[in-house]
């Protein structure tokens, strides 16, 4: 997947889109996107798994974020899939492994999507939690909780 930006015409606006390759299990060609238009920037990331998930040669998703910090940093909106509380390596991003990504992007507003906790497994934090339980657990990070497929807000 090329890392070169490309333009998308959307009515009166031209959106500059920058794809960044990420590792997602054995799937090839996984990317995240940064979209910029009219002085605003949005970054969209999903299925980051854990910061130590690696490309051949050892480059990690966290390395991708760090090496593209100038493109990612200061996004007006950062949307990240965050399916579990702590279960890592299942193909979805765990909330407890997300802070390094948040620190690099430093978005004005971060929205977490696809939260369910199902992969955390019975008896573990996140599994089977109600909206109220997610809210209570995430309150220290100023996160608003929702359910599967909904949006959570950080900061």
Protein backbone atom coordinates (compact mmCIF):
# COMPACT_ATOMS: atom_id res chain seq x y z
CA UNK A 1 0.00 0.00 0.00
CA UNK A 2 1.55 3.31 -1.01
CA UNK A 3 2.05 5.91 1.69
CA UNK A 4 1.68 8.73 -0.81
CA UNK A 5 -1.26 11.08 -0.25
CA UNK A 6 -3.98 11.26 -2.87
CA UNK A 7 -6.86 13.66 -3.46
CA UNK A 8 -10.57 12.91 -3.34
CA UNK A 9 -13.03 15.44 -4.72
CA UNK A 10 -16.10 15.71 -2.47
CA UNK A 11 -18.40 18.40 -3.77
CA UNK A 12 -16.73 21.76 -3.27
CA UNK A 13 -13.96 20.29 -1.08
CA UNK A 14 -10.81 18.44 -1.99
CA UNK A 15 -9.87 15.90 0.66
CA UNK A 16 -6.22 14.93 0.92
CA UNK A 17 -6.03 11.29 2.06
CA UNK A 18 -2.84 9.72 3.37
CA UNK A 19 -2.91 5.92 3.78
CA UNK A 20 -0.47 4.39 6.25
CA UNK A 21 0.20 0.64 6.21
CA UNK A 22 -0.35 -1.22 9.47
CA UNK A 23 -0.01 -4.84 10.46
CA UNK A 24 -3.22 -6.74 11.14
CA UNK A 25 -2.51 -10.39 11.82
CA UNK A 26 -1.82 -12.24 8.58
CA UNK A 27 -3.92 -9.84 6.49
CA UNK A 28 -1.87 -7.98 3.91
CA UNK A 29 -2.64 -4.45 2.81
CA UNK A 30 -4.20 -3.19 6.06
CA UNK A 31 -4.11 0.61 6.31
CA UNK A 32 -5.20 3.50 8.45
CA UNK A 33 -6.11 6.86 6.91
CA UNK A 34 -5.50 10.51 7.63
CA UNK A 35 -7.93 12.85 5.84
CA UNK A 36 -7.35 16.60 5.59
CA UNK A 37 -9.64 19.27 4.14
CA UNK A 38 -10.32 22.92 4.75
CA UNK A 39 -7.73 23.17 7.51
CA UNK A 40 -9.14 20.20 9.46
CA UNK A 41 -7.59 16.77 9.98
CA UNK A 42 -9.16 13.43 10.88
CA UNK A 43 -7.33 10.15 11.47
CA UNK A 44 -9.06 6.77 11.24
CA UNK A 45 -7.47 3.62 12.73
CA UNK A 46 -8.78 0.14 13.41
CA UNK A 47 -7.56 -3.35 14.23
CA UNK A 48 -4.21 -2.12 15.53
CA UNK A 49 -4.08 -5.12 17.85
CA UNK A 50 -1.21 -4.53 20.27
CA UNK A 51 1.75 -2.19 19.96
CA UNK A 52 4.03 -5.23 19.51
CA UNK A 53 2.17 -6.73 16.51
CA UNK A 54 4.89 -6.59 13.84
CA UNK A 55 5.54 -6.56 10.12
CA UNK A 56 8.22 -8.92 8.81
CA UNK A 57 11.46 -7.35 9.98
CA UNK A 58 9.96 -6.24 13.29
CA UNK A 59 8.37 -2.85 12.47
CA UNK A 60 5.26 -2.40 14.65
CA UNK A 61 2.09 -0.35 14.33
CA UNK A 62 3.42 1.87 17.08
CA UNK A 63 6.55 2.40 14.94
CA UNK A 64 4.28 3.43 12.06
CA UNK A 65 2.54 5.98 14.28
CA UNK A 66 5.86 7.29 15.64
CA UNK A 67 7.44 7.62 12.19
CA UNK A 68 4.36 9.48 10.90
CA UNK A 69 3.79 11.62 13.98
CA UNK A 70 4.02 14.82 11.93
CA UNK A 71 1.08 13.65 9.81
CA UNK A 72 -0.99 12.25 12.71
CA UNK A 73 -0.33 14.74 15.49
CA UNK A 74 -2.85 17.40 16.25
CA UNK A 75 -5.74 15.74 14.45
CA UNK A 76 -9.04 17.47 15.08
CA UNK A 77 -10.67 14.03 15.33
CA UNK A 78 -9.11 10.61 15.86
CA UNK A 79 -11.41 7.60 15.39
CA UNK A 80 -10.04 4.30 16.69
CA UNK A 81 -11.55 0.85 16.95
CA UNK A 82 -11.18 -0.32 20.53
CA UNK A 83 -13.05 -3.60 20.86
CA UNK A 84 -11.78 -4.91 24.18
CA UNK A 85 -10.71 -3.72 27.62
CA UNK A 86 -7.50 -5.73 27.89
CA UNK A 87 -7.64 -8.80 25.62
CA UNK A 88 -4.76 -8.39 23.20
CA UNK A 89 -3.71 -10.33 20.13
CA UNK A 90 -7.23 -11.26 19.08
CA UNK A 91 -7.29 -8.98 16.03
CA UNK A 92 -8.87 -6.02 17.76
CA UNK A 93 -7.39 -3.16 19.74
CA UNK A 94 -7.48 -3.34 23.53
CA UNK A 95 -8.26 -0.12 25.39
CA UNK A 96 -5.38 -0.71 27.80
CA UNK A 97 -2.94 -0.85 24.85
CA UNK A 98 -4.28 2.33 23.23
CA UNK A 99 -2.62 5.08 25.26
CA UNK A 100 0.61 5.16 23.20
CA UNK A 101 -1.50 5.81 20.08
CA UNK A 102 -3.48 8.56 21.84
CA UNK A 103 -0.21 10.15 23.00
CA UNK A 104 1.18 10.31 19.46
CA UNK A 105 -1.99 11.58 17.78
CA UNK A 106 -2.81 14.12 20.52
CA UNK A 107 -6.20 14.73 18.92
CA UNK A 108 -8.55 17.44 20.05
CA UNK A 109 -11.25 14.78 20.13
CA UNK A 110 -10.83 10.99 20.18
CA UNK A 111 -13.74 8.69 19.37
CA UNK A 112 -13.54 4.99 20.18
CA UNK A 113 -15.73 2.66 18.15
CA UNK A 114 -16.65 -1.04 18.16
CA UNK A 115 -16.40 -1.47 21.94
CA UNK A 116 -17.86 -4.75 23.18
CA UNK A 117 -15.51 -6.55 25.57
CA UNK A 118 -16.64 -9.92 24.22
CA UNK A 119 -13.07 -11.06 23.51
CA UNK A 120 -12.04 -10.23 27.09
CA UNK A 121 -13.80 -13.44 28.12
CA UNK A 122 -16.11 -14.33 31.02
CA UNK A 123 -14.99 -13.06 34.41
CA UNK A 124 -12.61 -10.42 33.00
CA UNK A 125 -13.01 -6.63 32.93
CA UNK A 126 -14.99 -5.53 29.89
CA UNK A 127 -16.81 -8.79 29.28
CA UNK A 128 -20.58 -8.37 29.45
CA UNK A 129 -20.32 -4.85 30.88
CA UNK A 130 -23.26 -2.52 30.64
CA UNK A 131 -22.87 1.02 29.34
CA UNK A 132 -22.76 2.19 32.95
CA UNK A 133 -19.93 -0.20 33.80
CA UNK A 134 -17.89 0.94 30.78
CA UNK A 135 -18.52 4.56 31.76
CA UNK A 136 -17.38 3.98 35.33
CA UNK A 137 -14.20 2.16 34.23
CA UNK A 138 -13.28 4.79 31.65
CA UNK A 139 -14.23 7.84 33.72
CA UNK A 140 -10.64 8.43 34.90
CA UNK A 141 -9.66 8.93 31.24
CA UNK A 142 -12.60 11.25 30.49
CA UNK A 143 -14.11 8.67 28.15
CA UNK A 144 -17.82 8.33 27.46
CA UNK A 145 -18.92 4.73 26.97
CA UNK A 146 -21.32 3.19 24.48
CA UNK A 147 -21.94 -0.32 23.19
CA UNK A 148 -20.83 -2.43 20.21
CA UNK A 149 -20.66 -0.32 17.06
CA UNK A 150 -21.27 2.90 18.95
CA UNK A 151 -18.93 5.79 19.61
CA UNK A 152 -16.96 6.53 22.76
CA UNK A 153 -15.45 9.94 23.32
CA UNK A 154 -12.04 10.54 24.91
CA UNK A 155 -11.37 14.06 26.18
